[in-house]
Amino acid sequence: MTLKRSFLFVPGNNERLIYKAFQTEADSIILDLEDAVATSEKEKARDLVISAVNNTHNKCIYVRINSVTTLWWEADMKAVIKANVDGIVLPKAEDAEIICTMAERLPSHFDLIPLIESAKGISNATVIATCSNKVSRLAFGALDYAMDIGVNYTKKWEWLLYARTHLVIASHTAGIYPPVDTVYPDINDQEGLVNELEHVKQLGMFGKLAIHPKQLTPIHDTFTPTAQEVADAIFLIDKFEAAERTGLASISINGKFVDYPVYSRAKKVVECSRYT
């Protein structure tokens, strides 16, 4: 598993949209069997998703199965395990013991992304992030989180500051990738999306869930280092590693102090340029 800038949701019961999604620039596709699919369409969607991923795709593919509190999750999971997908997105993730048990049933190459959508999930985020080596990162679902804590969803960022920061800290503590931010529900508000992206990047999140292809470009622009940033990082890495071989653990480059944390940050910049 590698860093990914974008995770594009696609309704699992819409064959046309599924194949259109495979043609987009999204780093990852999430074929949705949960919220985007009506109860009467669950089995049909499952069969369609499995057929689609087994026949043709050149993307990193996840399937969001139904919650473990539903009647469908186990059939979803069994079908997905047999399919040609990269992993599972688990909605309403809040119980680490259940997530760990589920992870044990997954093939060794499968990735598991718990989607944190409740106060309990936020509270248990560190335990969830450390419960299995199949958990590569957490993802945040703000719309369901708002409903769970009894508030109206709003585009203002202040009310989500604690939840987002807690997921960043939990992920860093667990040594996994930074958390992926929630969807931005207004597909026509590009300015609002860009503002939110800049904010969550500064908090330490990386990547965003998307609900429409038009959201991909600003997401990618936000999380893709510029050519100059990559060149500067490579230069810093080379200089620091050369100094380290002589026994130095801190140097000055163009008047700026460089030590191991700065060196590690430069390596992350280079990594962020290689994930697509």
Protein backbone atom coordinates (compact mmCIF):
# COMPACT_ATOMS: atom_id res chain seq x y z
CA MET A 1 0.00 0.00 0.00
CA THR A 2 1.11 3.52 -0.77
CA LEU A 3 -0.09 7.05 -0.16
CA LYS A 4 -3.10 8.00 -2.24
CA ARG A 5 -4.42 11.50 -2.85
CA SER A 6 -7.97 10.64 -3.88
CA PHE A 7 -10.56 7.96 -3.15
CA LEU A 8 -13.55 8.31 -5.49
CA PHE A 9 -16.85 6.82 -4.33
CA VAL A 10 -19.04 5.13 -6.96
CA PRO A 11 -22.49 3.58 -6.36
CA GLY A 12 -22.12 -0.16 -6.61
CA ASN A 13 -25.42 -0.59 -8.43
CA ASN A 14 -24.60 1.77 -11.33
CA GLU A 15 -22.64 -0.07 -14.01
CA ARG A 16 -22.24 3.01 -16.20
CA LEU A 17 -20.71 5.09 -13.41
CA ILE A 18 -18.44 2.25 -12.33
CA TYR A 19 -16.82 1.97 -15.73
CA LYS A 20 -16.64 5.77 -16.06
CA ALA A 21 -14.82 5.88 -12.72
CA PHE A 22 -12.21 3.46 -14.04
CA GLN A 23 -11.40 6.06 -16.71
CA THR A 24 -10.88 8.95 -14.29
CA GLU A 25 -7.61 10.17 -12.79
CA ALA A 26 -8.60 9.02 -9.30
CA ASP A 27 -5.79 7.30 -7.43
CA SER A 28 -8.30 4.90 -5.88
CA ILE A 29 -11.90 3.93 -6.52
CA ILE A 30 -14.30 2.93 -3.73
CA LEU A 31 -17.16 0.85 -5.09
CA ASP A 32 -19.92 1.42 -2.60
CA LEU A 33 -22.27 -1.28 -1.35
CA GLU A 34 -23.43 0.74 1.65
CA ASP A 35 -25.03 4.20 1.72
CA ALA A 36 -25.25 4.67 -2.05
CA VAL A 37 -27.26 1.49 -2.54
CA ALA A 38 -30.92 1.02 -1.61
CA THR A 39 -31.88 -2.00 0.51
CA SER A 40 -33.64 -3.62 -2.44
CA GLU A 41 -30.48 -3.29 -4.58
CA LYS A 42 -27.90 -4.74 -2.16
CA GLU A 43 -27.49 -8.19 -3.71
CA LYS A 44 -27.63 -6.86 -7.26
CA ALA A 45 -24.96 -4.28 -6.43
CA ARG A 46 -22.71 -6.90 -4.89
CA ASP A 47 -22.86 -9.07 -8.02
CA LEU A 48 -22.27 -6.08 -10.29
CA VAL A 49 -19.26 -4.87 -8.32
CA ILE A 50 -17.61 -8.28 -8.28
CA SER A 51 -18.21 -8.72 -12.01
CA ALA A 52 -16.80 -5.29 -12.80
CA VAL A 53 -13.57 -5.65 -10.85
CA ASN A 54 -12.93 -9.18 -12.06
CA ASN A 55 -13.40 -8.27 -15.72
CA THR A 56 -11.56 -5.03 -16.32
CA HIS A 57 -9.87 -2.32 -14.33
CA ASN A 58 -6.48 -0.69 -13.96
CA LYS A 59 -7.11 1.14 -10.73
CA CYS A 60 -6.54 0.63 -7.05
CA ILE A 61 -9.99 -0.66 -6.07
CA TYR A 62 -11.65 -0.76 -2.67
CA VAL A 63 -15.15 -1.90 -1.83
CA ARG A 64 -17.09 -0.26 0.98
CA ILE A 65 -19.03 -3.16 2.42
CA ASN A 66 -22.08 -2.78 4.61
CA SER A 67 -21.68 -2.20 8.33
CA VAL A 68 -21.22 -5.20 10.61
CA THR A 69 -24.53 -4.24 12.23
CA THR A 70 -26.40 -5.16 9.03
CA LEU A 71 -27.55 -8.41 7.44
CA TRP A 72 -25.37 -7.95 4.36
CA TRP A 73 -21.84 -7.42 5.60
CA GLU A 74 -20.73 -11.05 5.78
CA ALA A 75 -21.92 -11.88 2.25
CA ASP A 76 -20.24 -8.68 1.07
CA MET A 77 -16.99 -9.65 2.70
CA LYS A 78 -16.95 -13.21 1.38
CA ALA A 79 -17.61 -11.99 -2.16
CA VAL A 80 -15.01 -9.23 -2.01
CA ILE A 81 -12.31 -11.57 -0.70
CA LYS A 82 -12.74 -13.68 -3.85
CA ALA A 83 -12.61 -10.65 -6.13
CA ASN A 84 -9.73 -8.80 -7.70
CA VAL A 85 -9.73 -5.84 -5.32
CA ASP A 86 -7.09 -4.18 -3.18
CA GLY A 87 -9.03 -3.85 0.02
CA ILE A 88 -12.11 -3.05 2.04
CA VAL A 89 -13.47 0.18 3.47
CA LEU A 90 -15.34 -0.63 6.67
CA PRO A 91 -18.09 1.88 7.55
CA LYS A 92 -19.21 2.80 11.07
CA ALA A 93 -15.87 1.55 12.41
CA GLU A 94 -15.77 1.91 16.18
CA ASP A 95 -15.04 -1.47 17.79
CA ALA A 96 -11.38 -2.50 17.52
CA GLU A 97 -12.07 -6.10 18.53
CA ILE A 98 -14.56 -6.56 15.69
CA ILE A 99 -12.19 -4.89 13.22
CA CYS A 100 -9.31 -7.12 14.34
CA THR A 101 -11.43 -10.26 13.94
CA MET A 102 -12.47 -9.13 10.48
CA ALA A 103 -8.87 -8.34 9.50
CA GLU A 104 -7.80 -11.87 10.42
CA ARG A 105 -10.18 -13.23 7.78
CA LEU A 106 -8.74 -11.10 5.00
CA PRO A 107 -6.01 -12.34 2.63
CA SER A 108 -2.52 -11.12 3.46
CA HIS A 109 -2.44 -8.64 0.55
CA PHE A 110 -5.72 -6.96 1.48
CA ASP A 111 -5.80 -3.42 2.81
CA LEU A 112 -8.37 -2.43 5.43
CA ILE A 113 -9.50 1.18 5.84
CA PRO A 114 -11.75 1.78 8.86
CA LEU A 115 -14.14 4.67 8.19
CA ILE A 116 -14.54 6.62 11.42
CA GLU A 117 -18.03 8.13 11.54
CA SER A 118 -19.06 8.39 15.18
CA ALA A 119 -18.03 9.77 18.55
CA LYS A 120 -17.18 6.24 19.69
CA GLY A 121 -15.04 5.74 16.59
CA ILE A 122 -13.13 8.96 17.27
CA SER A 123 -12.67 7.99 20.91
CA ASN A 124 -11.32 4.54 19.92
CA ALA A 125 -9.25 5.75 16.98
CA THR A 126 -5.84 4.88 18.40
CA VAL A 127 -6.90 1.34 19.32
CA ILE A 128 -8.50 0.90 15.90
CA ALA A 129 -5.39 2.19 14.13
CA THR A 130 -3.17 -0.30 15.99
CA CYS A 131 -5.47 -3.33 15.98
CA SER A 132 -4.12 -4.97 12.79
CA ASN A 133 -1.22 -4.59 10.38
CA LYS A 134 -3.78 -4.70 7.57
CA VAL A 135 -5.01 -1.23 8.60
CA SER A 136 -3.01 1.13 6.41
CA ARG A 137 -4.89 4.34 7.29
CA LEU A 138 -8.08 5.68 8.80
CA ALA A 139 -10.72 7.66 6.93
CA PHE A 140 -13.12 10.24 8.31
CA GLY A 141 -16.85 10.43 7.63
CA ALA A 142 -18.03 13.86 8.82
CA LEU A 143 -21.64 13.66 7.66
CA ASP A 144 -22.48 10.61 9.76
CA TYR A 145 -20.32 11.97 12.58
CA ALA A 146 -22.45 15.14 12.65
CA MET A 147 -25.59 13.06 12.86
CA ASP A 148 -24.12 10.92 15.63
CA ILE A 149 -23.21 13.88 17.85
CA GLY A 150 -26.50 15.63 17.12
CA VAL A 151 -25.43 18.67 15.13
CA ASN A 152 -26.09 19.98 11.63
CA TYR A 153 -23.31 19.52 9.10
CA THR A 154 -21.71 22.83 8.12
CA LYS A 155 -18.83 23.78 5.85
CA LYS A 156 -17.16 25.71 8.69
CA TRP A 157 -14.06 23.85 9.84
CA GLU A 158 -13.98 24.70 13.55
CA TRP A 159 -16.50 22.10 14.69
CA LEU A 160 -14.47 19.27 13.13
CA LEU A 161 -11.08 20.41 14.41
CA TYR A 162 -10.95 18.01 17.36
CA ALA A 163 -12.09 14.97 15.38
CA ARG A 164 -9.64 15.55 12.54
CA THR A 165 -6.73 16.31 14.86
CA HIS A 166 -7.47 13.24 16.97
CA LEU A 167 -7.39 11.02 13.86
CA VAL A 168 -4.04 12.53 12.84
CA ILE A 169 -2.56 11.91 16.29
CA ALA A 170 -3.97 8.37 16.44
CA SER A 171 -2.55 7.55 13.01
CA HIS A 172 0.86 8.96 13.85
CA THR A 173 0.90 7.07 17.15
CA ALA A 174 0.09 3.84 15.32
CA GLY A 175 2.76 4.43 12.68
CA ILE A 176 0.30 4.18 9.79
CA TYR A 177 -0.41 6.59 6.93
CA PRO A 178 -2.11 9.91 7.75
CA PRO A 179 -5.92 9.82 7.80
CA VAL A 180 -7.96 10.47 4.68
CA ASP A 181 -10.39 13.37 5.03
CA THR A 182 -14.15 13.24 4.64
CA VAL A 183 -16.09 13.93 1.46
CA TYR A 184 -16.96 17.52 0.58
CA PRO A 185 -20.69 17.22 -0.20
CA ASP A 186 -21.13 20.33 -2.39
CA ILE A 187 -19.76 19.30 -5.78
CA ASN A 188 -20.29 22.78 -7.25
CA ASP A 189 -18.36 24.67 -4.55
CA GLN A 190 -14.79 24.40 -5.81
CA GLU A 191 -13.59 27.35 -3.73
CA GLY A 192 -14.96 25.80 -0.55
CA LEU A 193 -13.35 22.47 -1.42
CA VAL A 194 -9.95 24.11 -1.98
CA ASN A 195 -10.19 25.98 1.33
CA GLU A 196 -11.05 22.79 3.18
CA LEU A 197 -8.21 20.90 1.48
CA GLU A 198 -5.66 23.50 2.53
CA HIS A 199 -6.93 23.35 6.10
CA VAL A 200 -6.87 19.56 6.46
CA LYS A 201 -3.45 19.30 4.85
CA GLN A 202 -2.10 21.73 7.43
CA LEU A 203 -3.62 19.58 10.18
CA GLY A 204 -1.63 16.57 8.93
CA MET A 205 -4.25 14.64 6.97
CA PHE A 206 -3.39 13.27 3.55
CA GLY A 207 -5.86 12.54 0.79
CA LYS A 208 -9.60 13.02 0.53
CA LEU A 209 -12.71 11.03 -0.20
CA ALA A 210 -14.47 12.31 -3.33
CA ILE A 211 -18.01 11.95 -4.65
CA HIS A 212 -17.54 13.40 -8.15
CA PRO A 213 -14.70 13.39 -10.71
CA LYS A 214 -14.70 17.22 -10.81
CA GLN A 215 -13.32 17.15 -7.26
CA LEU A 216 -10.22 15.20 -8.25
CA THR A 217 -8.12 18.01 -9.72
CA PRO A 218 -8.15 20.26 -6.62
CA ILE A 219 -7.53 17.23 -4.42
CA HIS A 220 -4.54 16.18 -6.49
CA ASP A 221 -3.20 19.73 -6.72
CA THR A 222 -3.28 20.03 -2.94
CA PHE A 223 -1.50 16.79 -2.13
CA THR A 224 1.01 16.68 -5.00
CA PRO A 225 4.36 18.36 -4.26
CA THR A 226 5.57 20.80 -6.89
CA ALA A 227 8.61 19.96 -9.00
CA GLN A 228 10.60 22.56 -7.04
CA GLU A 229 9.53 21.09 -3.69
CA VAL A 230 10.65 17.64 -4.82
CA ALA A 231 13.97 18.95 -6.16
CA ASP A 232 14.64 20.82 -2.91
CA ALA A 233 13.79 17.72 -0.87
CA ILE A 234 16.12 15.50 -2.91
CA PHE A 235 18.92 18.06 -2.55
CA LEU A 236 18.39 18.19 1.23
CA ILE A 237 18.31 14.39 1.52
CA ASP A 238 21.56 14.02 -0.44
CA LYS A 239 23.33 16.69 1.64
CA PHE A 240 22.13 15.33 4.96
CA GLU A 241 22.98 11.71 4.15
CA ALA A 242 26.45 12.75 3.05
CA ALA A 243 26.91 14.62 6.33
CA GLU A 244 25.53 11.71 8.30
CA ARG A 245 28.17 9.41 6.85
CA THR A 246 30.80 11.67 8.39
CA GLY A 247 29.14 11.46 11.80
CA LEU A 248 27.05 14.64 11.71
CA ALA A 249 23.39 14.65 12.73
CA SER A 250 22.67 18.29 11.98
CA ILE A 251 23.82 20.66 9.24
CA SER A 252 22.97 24.04 7.75
CA ILE A 253 21.67 24.28 4.19
CA ASN A 254 21.27 27.78 2.78
CA GLY A 255 21.19 29.16 6.31
CA LYS A 256 18.48 26.74 7.50
CA PHE A 257 19.01 24.19 10.27
CA VAL A 258 18.54 20.59 9.12
CA ASP A 259 18.33 17.63 11.51
CA TYR A 260 16.59 14.25 11.50
CA PRO A 261 13.00 15.59 11.70
CA VAL A 262 13.64 17.93 8.76
CA TYR A 263 15.32 15.09 6.87
CA SER A 264 12.31 12.82 7.55
CA ARG A 265 9.96 15.51 6.28
CA ALA A 266 11.97 15.79 3.05
CA LYS A 267 11.73 12.02 2.55
CA LYS A 268 7.95 12.25 2.92
CA VAL A 269 7.83 14.94 0.23
CA VAL A 270 9.66 12.63 -2.16
CA GLU A 271 7.36 9.75 -1.24
CA CYS A 272 4.33 11.93 -1.97
CA SER A 273 5.60 12.42 -5.51
CA ARG A 274 5.72 8.68 -6.22
CA TYR A 275 2.36 7.26 -5.22
CA THR A 276 0.38 7.62 -8.45
